[in-house]
């Protein structure tokens, strides 16, 4: 009976409990080390992100980011154009409403003064086009580019950056 008490107390020759402890202790230490390293890495990464954000200037109230692709300039709306297309029988017509994006807001006064010239240039170009020229998307893009270059050739104080068709009907 004394031998059984000795085995239960851990003094016996089996040593099964001590082998288990030799495995558990390094595994626990490894897990604690890995967890601590993960937490330290995350906190250092968060500090770096906070420092980078602090270095970037914050936009002031009412200020918009200066991303050229996101910005749209002031618009100048032209009256709708209704023209006969360049067709043999003259049976087709185009109704187009055009808006011009201005590089600077001050360009509006020049566009107002040159309204007759703008209409003349646009009418001449639109009436030179046929249904075949304008029915495909590429034809509309080409027309847009031609309008842009012809309108900018008239201007002195600024430029038109984009031409938008807000209405484009061929019948």
N, C-alpha and C. Protein backbone atom coordinates (compact mmCIF):
# COMPACT_ATOMS: atom_id res chain seq x y z
N UNK A 1 0.81 -1.16 0.00
CA UNK A 1 0.00 0.00 0.00
C UNK A 1 0.86 1.24 0.00
N UNK A 2 1.99 1.16 0.62
CA UNK A 2 2.89 2.30 0.65
C UNK A 2 3.44 2.58 -0.72
N UNK A 3 3.63 1.51 -1.52
CA UNK A 3 4.14 1.70 -2.88
C UNK A 3 3.13 2.43 -3.75
N UNK A 4 1.86 2.16 -3.58
CA UNK A 4 0.82 2.82 -4.36
C UNK A 4 0.76 4.29 -4.02
N UNK A 5 0.91 4.64 -2.77
CA UNK A 5 0.88 6.04 -2.36
C UNK A 5 2.07 6.79 -2.94
N UNK A 6 3.22 6.09 -3.02
CA UNK A 6 4.40 6.71 -3.59
C UNK A 6 4.22 6.99 -5.07
N UNK A 7 3.60 6.09 -5.81
CA UNK A 7 3.36 6.27 -7.24
C UNK A 7 2.40 7.42 -7.48
N UNK A 8 1.37 7.53 -6.62
CA UNK A 8 0.41 8.61 -6.77
C UNK A 8 1.04 9.94 -6.47
N UNK A 9 2.01 9.99 -5.57
CA UNK A 9 2.67 11.23 -5.22
C UNK A 9 3.65 11.65 -6.29
N UNK A 10 3.96 10.81 -7.23
CA UNK A 10 4.85 11.15 -8.32
C UNK A 10 6.27 10.74 -8.06
N UNK A 11 6.53 10.04 -7.00
CA UNK A 11 7.90 9.65 -6.70
C UNK A 11 8.26 8.33 -7.33
N UNK A 12 7.34 7.66 -8.00
CA UNK A 12 7.57 6.34 -8.53
C UNK A 12 8.40 6.38 -9.79
N UNK A 13 8.81 5.28 -10.28
CA UNK A 13 9.68 5.17 -11.43
C UNK A 13 9.02 5.39 -12.75
N UNK A 14 7.68 5.51 -12.86
CA UNK A 14 7.00 5.66 -14.15
C UNK A 14 7.33 6.96 -14.83
N UNK A 15 7.21 8.10 -14.18
CA UNK A 15 7.54 9.42 -14.72
C UNK A 15 6.67 9.86 -15.87
N UNK A 16 5.46 9.35 -16.02
CA UNK A 16 4.58 9.73 -17.13
C UNK A 16 4.15 11.17 -17.05
N UNK A 17 3.94 11.69 -15.83
CA UNK A 17 3.50 13.07 -15.65
C UNK A 17 4.60 14.05 -16.01
N UNK A 18 5.82 13.73 -15.73
CA UNK A 18 6.91 14.65 -16.01
C UNK A 18 7.18 14.74 -17.51
N UNK A 19 6.97 13.69 -18.24
CA UNK A 19 7.12 13.72 -19.70
C UNK A 19 6.07 14.62 -20.33
N UNK A 20 4.87 14.56 -19.80
CA UNK A 20 3.79 15.40 -20.32
C UNK A 20 4.09 16.86 -20.06
N UNK A 21 4.61 17.15 -18.86
CA UNK A 21 4.97 18.53 -18.55
C UNK A 21 6.09 19.03 -19.46
N UNK A 22 7.03 18.19 -19.82
CA UNK A 22 8.12 18.56 -20.71
C UNK A 22 7.60 18.93 -22.11
N UNK A 23 6.49 18.43 -22.51
CA UNK A 23 5.89 18.74 -23.82
C UNK A 23 4.99 19.97 -23.72
N UNK A 24 4.20 20.05 -22.66
CA UNK A 24 3.22 21.13 -22.53
C UNK A 24 3.90 22.48 -22.33
N UNK A 25 4.91 22.53 -21.49
CA UNK A 25 5.56 23.82 -21.17
C UNK A 25 6.15 24.48 -22.42
N UNK A 26 6.91 23.79 -23.27
CA UNK A 26 7.43 24.46 -24.48
C UNK A 26 6.33 24.88 -25.46
N UNK A 27 5.27 24.09 -25.58
CA UNK A 27 4.17 24.44 -26.49
C UNK A 27 3.48 25.71 -26.00
N UNK A 28 3.23 25.81 -24.70
CA UNK A 28 2.60 27.00 -24.13
C UNK A 28 3.52 28.21 -24.32
N UNK A 29 4.82 28.02 -24.09
CA UNK A 29 5.77 29.12 -24.25
C UNK A 29 5.81 29.58 -25.72
N UNK A 30 5.78 28.63 -26.62
CA UNK A 30 5.77 28.96 -28.05
C UNK A 30 4.52 29.74 -28.43
N UNK A 31 3.36 29.32 -27.93
CA UNK A 31 2.11 30.01 -28.22
C UNK A 31 2.12 31.42 -27.64
N UNK A 32 2.61 31.56 -26.41
CA UNK A 32 2.68 32.88 -25.79
C UNK A 32 3.62 33.80 -26.57
N UNK A 33 4.74 33.28 -27.02
CA UNK A 33 5.70 34.08 -27.78
C UNK A 33 5.12 34.52 -29.12
N UNK A 34 4.45 33.59 -29.80
CA UNK A 34 3.85 33.93 -31.10
C UNK A 34 2.74 34.95 -30.93
N UNK A 35 1.91 34.79 -29.92
CA UNK A 35 0.82 35.75 -29.66
C UNK A 35 1.37 37.13 -29.32
N UNK A 36 2.41 37.16 -28.50
CA UNK A 36 3.02 38.44 -28.14
C UNK A 36 3.65 39.13 -29.34
N UNK A 37 4.31 38.35 -30.19
CA UNK A 37 4.90 38.93 -31.41
C UNK A 37 3.84 39.48 -32.34
N UNK A 38 2.75 38.79 -32.46
CA UNK A 38 1.64 39.25 -33.32
C UNK A 38 1.08 40.57 -32.80
N UNK A 39 0.84 40.63 -31.49
CA UNK A 39 0.30 41.86 -30.90
C UNK A 39 1.28 43.02 -31.05
N UNK A 40 2.56 42.78 -30.87
CA UNK A 40 3.57 43.84 -31.01
C UNK A 40 3.63 44.32 -32.46
N UNK A 41 3.56 43.40 -33.39
CA UNK A 41 3.60 43.77 -34.81
C UNK A 41 2.39 44.60 -35.20
N UNK A 42 1.23 44.23 -34.73
CA UNK A 42 0.01 44.98 -35.05
C UNK A 42 0.04 46.37 -34.45
N UNK A 43 0.51 46.49 -33.24
CA UNK A 43 0.52 47.81 -32.60
C UNK A 43 1.55 48.70 -33.29
N UNK A 44 2.67 48.14 -33.73
CA UNK A 44 3.68 48.95 -34.44
C UNK A 44 3.13 49.38 -35.81
N UNK A 45 2.42 48.48 -36.49
CA UNK A 45 1.83 48.81 -37.78
C UNK A 45 0.76 49.89 -37.65
N UNK A 46 -0.02 49.81 -36.58
CA UNK A 46 -1.06 50.81 -36.35
C UNK A 46 -0.43 52.17 -36.06
N UNK A 47 0.69 52.17 -35.32
CA UNK A 47 1.38 53.43 -35.02
C UNK A 47 1.92 54.05 -36.32
N UNK A 48 2.48 53.22 -37.20
CA UNK A 48 3.00 53.75 -38.47
C UNK A 48 1.88 54.32 -39.31
N UNK A 49 0.74 53.67 -39.36
CA UNK A 49 -0.40 54.19 -40.12
C UNK A 49 -0.89 55.51 -39.53
N UNK A 50 -0.92 55.60 -38.19
CA UNK A 50 -1.34 56.84 -37.55
C UNK A 50 -0.36 57.97 -37.84
N UNK A 51 0.95 57.65 -37.83
CA UNK A 51 1.96 58.66 -38.12
C UNK A 51 1.85 59.14 -39.57
N UNK A 52 1.62 58.23 -40.51
CA UNK A 52 1.47 58.60 -41.92
C UNK A 52 0.24 59.48 -42.12
N UNK A 53 -0.85 59.16 -41.45
CA UNK A 53 -2.06 59.96 -41.56
C UNK A 53 -1.85 61.34 -40.96
N UNK A 54 -1.04 61.43 -39.90
CA UNK A 54 -0.78 62.72 -39.27
C UNK A 54 0.08 63.60 -40.17
N UNK A 55 0.94 63.01 -40.99
CA UNK A 55 1.79 63.78 -41.89
C UNK A 55 1.02 64.37 -43.06
N UNK A 56 -0.05 63.73 -43.49
CA UNK A 56 -0.86 64.23 -44.60
C UNK A 56 -1.70 65.40 -44.12
N UNK A 57 -1.70 66.49 -44.89
CA UNK A 57 -2.51 67.63 -44.47
C UNK A 57 -3.99 67.31 -44.63
N UNK A 58 -4.76 67.66 -43.63
CA UNK A 58 -6.20 67.43 -43.70
C UNK A 58 -6.84 68.53 -44.51
N UNK A 59 -7.85 68.20 -45.36
CA UNK A 59 -8.51 69.25 -46.13
C UNK A 59 -9.24 70.22 -45.21
N UNK A 60 -9.18 71.47 -45.57
CA UNK A 60 -9.86 72.50 -44.78
C UNK A 60 -11.35 72.46 -45.09
N UNK A 61 -12.13 73.09 -44.25
CA UNK A 61 -13.58 73.11 -44.43
C UNK A 61 -13.91 73.76 -45.77
N UNK A 62 -14.72 73.11 -46.56
CA UNK A 62 -15.15 73.65 -47.85
C UNK A 62 -14.16 73.40 -48.97
N UNK A 63 -13.03 72.76 -48.68
CA UNK A 63 -12.04 72.49 -49.71
C UNK A 63 -12.28 71.10 -50.28
N UNK A 64 -12.13 70.98 -51.60
CA UNK A 64 -12.34 69.71 -52.27
C UNK A 64 -10.99 69.19 -52.73
N UNK A 65 -10.83 67.88 -52.74
CA UNK A 65 -9.59 67.28 -53.19
C UNK A 65 -9.29 67.70 -54.63
N UNK A 66 -8.01 67.92 -54.92
CA UNK A 66 -7.60 68.42 -56.23
C UNK A 66 -7.22 67.27 -57.15
N UNK A 67 -8.11 66.35 -57.38
CA UNK A 67 -7.90 65.24 -58.29
C UNK A 67 -8.51 65.61 -59.63
N UNK A 68 -7.66 65.76 -60.66
CA UNK A 68 -8.13 66.24 -61.96
C UNK A 68 -9.16 65.30 -62.59
N UNK A 69 -9.06 64.02 -62.31
CA UNK A 69 -10.00 63.07 -62.91
C UNK A 69 -11.37 63.14 -62.25
N UNK A 70 -11.40 63.59 -60.99
CA UNK A 70 -12.67 63.64 -60.27
C UNK A 70 -13.36 65.00 -60.42
N UNK A 71 -12.63 66.01 -60.81
CA UNK A 71 -13.18 67.35 -60.86
C UNK A 71 -13.91 67.59 -62.19
N UNK A 72 -14.96 68.36 -62.11
CA UNK A 72 -15.68 68.80 -63.29
C UNK A 72 -15.72 70.32 -63.21
N UNK A 73 -15.29 70.95 -64.31
CA UNK A 73 -15.26 72.41 -64.34
C UNK A 73 -16.65 73.00 -64.53
N UNK A 74 -16.69 74.32 -64.54
CA UNK A 74 -17.96 75.01 -64.79
C UNK A 74 -18.45 74.70 -66.19
N UNK A 75 -19.75 74.59 -66.33
CA UNK A 75 -20.35 74.22 -67.61
C UNK A 75 -20.98 75.42 -68.29
N UNK A 76 -20.97 75.38 -69.63
CA UNK A 76 -21.61 76.40 -70.45
C UNK A 76 -22.58 75.69 -71.37
N UNK A 77 -23.87 75.93 -71.18
CA UNK A 77 -24.90 75.22 -71.95
C UNK A 77 -25.25 76.02 -73.20
N UNK A 78 -25.24 75.34 -74.32
CA UNK A 78 -25.63 75.94 -75.59
C UNK A 78 -27.08 75.59 -75.89
N UNK A 79 -27.73 76.43 -76.68
CA UNK A 79 -29.09 76.12 -77.12
C UNK A 79 -29.07 74.88 -77.99
N UNK A 80 -30.18 74.13 -78.04
CA UNK A 80 -30.21 72.93 -78.89
C UNK A 80 -30.01 73.26 -80.37
N UNK A 81 -29.35 72.36 -81.08
CA UNK A 81 -29.12 72.49 -82.52
C UNK A 81 -29.99 71.48 -83.23
N UNK A 82 -30.70 71.92 -84.25
CA UNK A 82 -31.47 71.02 -85.11
C UNK A 82 -30.97 71.27 -86.52
N UNK A 83 -30.35 70.25 -87.13
CA UNK A 83 -29.75 70.41 -88.46
C UNK A 83 -30.11 69.23 -89.34
N UNK A 84 -30.13 69.48 -90.64
CA UNK A 84 -30.25 68.40 -91.61
C UNK A 84 -28.88 67.77 -91.77
N UNK A 85 -28.87 66.45 -91.79
CA UNK A 85 -27.61 65.75 -92.00
C UNK A 85 -27.27 65.73 -93.48
N UNK A 86 -26.03 65.49 -93.79
CA UNK A 86 -25.54 65.46 -95.16
C UNK A 86 -25.95 64.13 -95.81
N UNK A 87 -27.19 64.08 -96.27
CA UNK A 87 -27.77 62.88 -96.88
C UNK A 87 -28.24 63.24 -98.29
N UNK A 88 -28.26 62.28 -99.20
CA UNK A 88 -28.67 62.57 -100.58
C UNK A 88 -30.08 63.16 -100.68
N UNK A 89 -31.03 62.64 -99.96
CA UNK A 89 -32.41 63.13 -100.03
C UNK A 89 -32.69 64.17 -98.95
N UNK A 90 -31.76 64.36 -98.04
CA UNK A 90 -31.98 65.31 -96.96
C UNK A 90 -33.09 64.89 -96.02
N UNK A 91 -33.29 63.58 -95.88
CA UNK A 91 -34.42 63.09 -95.10
C UNK A 91 -34.11 62.91 -93.61
N UNK A 92 -32.87 62.99 -93.23
CA UNK A 92 -32.51 62.79 -91.82
C UNK A 92 -32.06 64.10 -91.20
N UNK A 93 -32.39 64.22 -89.90
CA UNK A 93 -31.93 65.40 -89.18
C UNK A 93 -31.39 64.99 -87.82
N UNK A 94 -30.66 65.91 -87.24
CA UNK A 94 -30.04 65.68 -85.94
C UNK A 94 -30.47 66.79 -85.00
N UNK A 95 -30.86 66.39 -83.80
CA UNK A 95 -31.11 67.35 -82.73
C UNK A 95 -30.09 67.05 -81.64
N UNK A 96 -29.26 68.06 -81.33
CA UNK A 96 -28.20 67.87 -80.34
C UNK A 96 -28.18 69.05 -79.38
N UNK A 97 -28.08 68.74 -78.10
CA UNK A 97 -27.86 69.76 -77.08
C UNK A 97 -26.46 69.52 -76.54
N UNK A 98 -25.69 70.59 -76.50
CA UNK A 98 -24.27 70.49 -76.17
C UNK A 98 -23.96 71.36 -74.96
N UNK A 99 -23.12 70.82 -74.08
CA UNK A 99 -22.59 71.61 -72.96
C UNK A 99 -21.07 71.56 -73.04
N UNK A 100 -20.46 72.70 -72.73
CA UNK A 100 -19.01 72.81 -72.79
C UNK A 100 -18.46 72.96 -71.37
N UNK A 101 -17.44 72.20 -71.06
CA UNK A 101 -16.78 72.33 -69.77
C UNK A 101 -15.63 73.33 -69.94
N UNK A 102 -15.64 74.36 -69.10
CA UNK A 102 -14.67 75.45 -69.22
C UNK A 102 -13.48 75.21 -68.30
N UNK A 103 -12.29 75.60 -68.76
CA UNK A 103 -11.09 75.45 -67.93
C UNK A 103 -11.09 76.45 -66.78
N UNK A 104 -11.65 77.63 -67.02
CA UNK A 104 -11.73 78.66 -65.97
C UNK A 104 -13.12 79.29 -66.03
N UNK A 105 -13.68 79.69 -64.91
CA UNK A 105 -15.02 80.28 -64.91
C UNK A 105 -15.10 81.58 -65.71
N UNK A 106 -13.99 82.32 -65.82
CA UNK A 106 -13.98 83.58 -66.54
C UNK A 106 -14.21 83.40 -68.04
N UNK A 107 -14.08 82.17 -68.54
CA UNK A 107 -14.27 81.90 -69.96
C UNK A 107 -15.72 82.13 -70.39
N UNK A 108 -16.64 82.11 -69.44
CA UNK A 108 -18.06 82.29 -69.76
C UNK A 108 -18.31 83.61 -70.49
N UNK A 109 -17.67 84.68 -70.08
CA UNK A 109 -17.89 85.98 -70.74
C UNK A 109 -17.41 85.95 -72.19
N UNK A 110 -16.29 85.26 -72.43
CA UNK A 110 -15.81 85.16 -73.82
C UNK A 110 -16.74 84.30 -74.65
N UNK A 111 -17.25 83.21 -74.09
CA UNK A 111 -18.19 82.36 -74.82
C UNK A 111 -19.48 83.12 -75.13
N UNK A 112 -19.92 83.93 -74.19
CA UNK A 112 -21.12 84.76 -74.44
C UNK A 112 -20.87 85.71 -75.61
N UNK A 113 -19.71 86.37 -75.63
CA UNK A 113 -19.41 87.31 -76.71
C UNK A 113 -19.25 86.61 -78.05
N UNK A 114 -18.79 85.38 -78.03
CA UNK A 114 -18.55 84.64 -79.28
C UNK A 114 -19.68 83.66 -79.60
N UNK A 115 -20.85 83.87 -79.06
CA UNK A 115 -21.98 82.94 -79.26
C UNK A 115 -22.29 82.72 -80.73
N UNK A 116 -22.28 83.78 -81.53
CA UNK A 116 -22.58 83.64 -82.96
C UNK A 116 -21.50 82.82 -83.65
N UNK A 117 -20.24 83.05 -83.30
CA UNK A 117 -19.15 82.27 -83.90
C UNK A 117 -19.25 80.81 -83.50
N UNK A 118 -19.55 80.56 -82.23
CA UNK A 118 -19.72 79.18 -81.76
C UNK A 118 -20.81 78.47 -82.54
N UNK A 119 -21.96 79.11 -82.67
CA UNK A 119 -23.07 78.49 -83.38
C UNK A 119 -22.71 78.22 -84.83
N UNK A 120 -22.01 79.15 -85.47
CA UNK A 120 -21.61 78.97 -86.86
C UNK A 120 -20.67 77.78 -87.03
N UNK A 121 -19.67 77.70 -86.17
CA UNK A 121 -18.71 76.59 -86.25
C UNK A 121 -19.40 75.26 -86.01
N UNK A 122 -20.26 75.22 -85.02
CA UNK A 122 -20.95 73.96 -84.67
C UNK A 122 -21.93 73.56 -85.77
N UNK A 123 -22.70 74.52 -86.28
CA UNK A 123 -23.65 74.20 -87.36
C UNK A 123 -22.93 73.70 -88.61
N UNK A 124 -21.83 74.35 -88.96
CA UNK A 124 -21.07 73.92 -90.15
C UNK A 124 -20.57 72.49 -89.99
N UNK A 125 -20.09 72.17 -88.81
CA UNK A 125 -19.58 70.82 -88.58
C UNK A 125 -20.70 69.79 -88.56
N UNK A 126 -21.79 70.09 -87.87
CA UNK A 126 -22.90 69.13 -87.77
C UNK A 126 -23.53 68.84 -89.13
N UNK A 127 -23.70 69.87 -89.96
CA UNK A 127 -24.34 69.66 -91.28
C UNK A 127 -23.41 68.94 -92.25
N UNK A 128 -22.14 68.87 -91.95
CA UNK A 128 -21.21 68.15 -92.83
C UNK A 128 -21.22 66.65 -92.56
N UNK A 129 -21.85 66.22 -91.49
CA UNK A 129 -21.86 64.81 -91.10
C UNK A 129 -23.05 64.07 -91.69
N UNK A 130 -22.85 62.81 -91.99
CA UNK A 130 -23.94 61.96 -92.48
C UNK A 130 -24.41 61.04 -91.36
N UNK A 131 -25.51 60.36 -91.62
CA UNK A 131 -26.03 59.39 -90.66
C UNK A 131 -24.99 58.31 -90.39
N UNK A 132 -24.31 57.88 -91.44
CA UNK A 132 -23.28 56.84 -91.30
C UNK A 132 -22.13 57.31 -90.41
N UNK A 133 -21.79 58.60 -90.48
CA UNK A 133 -20.71 59.15 -89.65
C UNK A 133 -21.06 59.13 -88.18
N UNK A 134 -22.33 59.32 -87.86
CA UNK A 134 -22.73 59.56 -86.47
C UNK A 134 -23.42 58.38 -85.78
N UNK A 135 -23.80 57.36 -86.52
CA UNK A 135 -24.56 56.29 -85.88
C UNK A 135 -23.72 55.44 -84.94
N UNK A 136 -22.45 55.26 -85.22
CA UNK A 136 -21.58 54.47 -84.35
C UNK A 136 -21.03 55.34 -83.23
N UNK A 137 -20.69 54.71 -82.14
CA UNK A 137 -20.14 55.42 -80.98
C UNK A 137 -18.83 56.13 -81.33
N UNK A 138 -18.01 55.49 -82.17
CA UNK A 138 -16.75 56.10 -82.58
C UNK A 138 -16.99 57.41 -83.32
N UNK A 139 -18.07 57.48 -84.09
CA UNK A 139 -18.41 58.70 -84.82
C UNK A 139 -18.76 59.85 -83.87
N UNK A 140 -19.45 59.53 -82.80
CA UNK A 140 -19.79 60.56 -81.80
C UNK A 140 -18.54 61.04 -81.08
N UNK A 141 -17.63 60.12 -80.76
CA UNK A 141 -16.37 60.52 -80.14
C UNK A 141 -15.55 61.40 -81.07
N UNK A 142 -15.52 61.05 -82.36
CA UNK A 142 -14.79 61.84 -83.35
C UNK A 142 -15.40 63.23 -83.47
N UNK A 143 -16.73 63.31 -83.49
CA UNK A 143 -17.42 64.60 -83.55
C UNK A 143 -17.09 65.43 -82.32
N UNK A 144 -17.08 64.82 -81.18
CA UNK A 144 -16.75 65.52 -79.93
C UNK A 144 -15.35 66.13 -80.01
N UNK A 145 -14.39 65.36 -80.51
CA UNK A 145 -13.01 65.85 -80.63
C UNK A 145 -12.91 66.98 -81.65
N UNK A 146 -13.62 66.86 -82.77
CA UNK A 146 -13.61 67.91 -83.78
C UNK A 146 -14.22 69.20 -83.23
N UNK A 147 -15.32 69.08 -82.50
CA UNK A 147 -15.93 70.26 -81.89
C UNK A 147 -14.97 70.92 -80.91
N UNK A 148 -14.32 70.12 -80.11
CA UNK A 148 -13.38 70.64 -79.12
C UNK A 148 -12.26 71.44 -79.79
N UNK A 149 -11.67 70.88 -80.83
CA UNK A 149 -10.55 71.58 -81.48
C UNK A 149 -11.02 72.84 -82.20
N UNK A 150 -12.17 72.81 -82.85
CA UNK A 150 -12.66 73.99 -83.57
C UNK A 150 -13.09 75.11 -82.61
N UNK A 151 -13.71 74.75 -81.51
CA UNK A 151 -14.13 75.76 -80.53
C UNK A 151 -12.90 76.39 -79.87
N UNK A 152 -11.93 75.56 -79.50
CA UNK A 152 -10.73 76.10 -78.85
C UNK A 152 -9.91 76.97 -79.79
N UNK A 153 -10.02 76.75 -81.09
CA UNK A 153 -9.32 77.60 -82.05
C UNK A 153 -9.86 79.03 -82.01
N UNK A 154 -11.11 79.22 -81.59
CA UNK A 154 -11.72 80.55 -81.50
C UNK A 154 -11.33 81.30 -80.22
N UNK A 155 -11.00 80.57 -79.17
CA UNK A 155 -10.87 81.16 -77.85
C UNK A 155 -9.48 81.72 -77.57
N UNK A 156 -9.45 82.77 -76.74
CA UNK A 156 -8.20 83.45 -76.39
C UNK A 156 -7.90 83.32 -74.90
N UNK A 157 -8.91 83.50 -74.05
CA UNK A 157 -8.70 83.61 -72.60
C UNK A 157 -8.75 82.30 -71.83
N UNK A 158 -9.05 81.23 -72.45
CA UNK A 158 -9.15 79.94 -71.77
C UNK A 158 -9.41 78.86 -72.80
N UNK A 159 -9.74 77.68 -72.33
CA UNK A 159 -10.04 76.59 -73.24
C UNK A 159 -11.28 75.84 -72.76
N UNK A 160 -11.86 75.14 -73.70
CA UNK A 160 -12.93 74.19 -73.38
C UNK A 160 -12.23 72.86 -73.19
N UNK A 161 -12.42 72.24 -72.03
CA UNK A 161 -11.71 71.00 -71.72
C UNK A 161 -12.46 69.76 -72.21
N UNK A 162 -13.79 69.82 -72.20
CA UNK A 162 -14.59 68.69 -72.67
C UNK A 162 -15.87 69.18 -73.31
N UNK A 163 -16.38 68.36 -74.22
CA UNK A 163 -17.67 68.62 -74.87
C UNK A 163 -18.60 67.49 -74.48
N UNK A 164 -19.79 67.83 -74.02
CA UNK A 164 -20.78 66.83 -73.62
C UNK A 164 -22.02 66.97 -74.47
N UNK A 165 -22.54 65.85 -74.95
CA UNK A 165 -23.83 65.82 -75.61
C UNK A 165 -24.86 65.44 -74.56
N UNK A 166 -25.74 66.36 -74.23
CA UNK A 166 -26.79 66.03 -73.25
C UNK A 166 -28.05 65.57 -73.94
N UNK A 167 -28.11 65.78 -75.25
CA UNK A 167 -29.21 65.26 -76.07
C UNK A 167 -28.63 65.01 -77.45
N UNK A 168 -28.93 63.85 -78.02
CA UNK A 168 -28.39 63.50 -79.34
C UNK A 168 -29.40 62.58 -80.01
N UNK A 169 -30.22 63.14 -80.89
CA UNK A 169 -31.28 62.37 -81.54
C UNK A 169 -31.14 62.49 -83.04
N UNK A 170 -31.09 61.35 -83.72
CA UNK A 170 -31.06 61.33 -85.19
C UNK A 170 -32.36 60.70 -85.65
N UNK A 171 -33.02 61.38 -86.59
CA UNK A 171 -34.26 60.81 -87.13
C UNK A 171 -34.24 60.91 -88.63
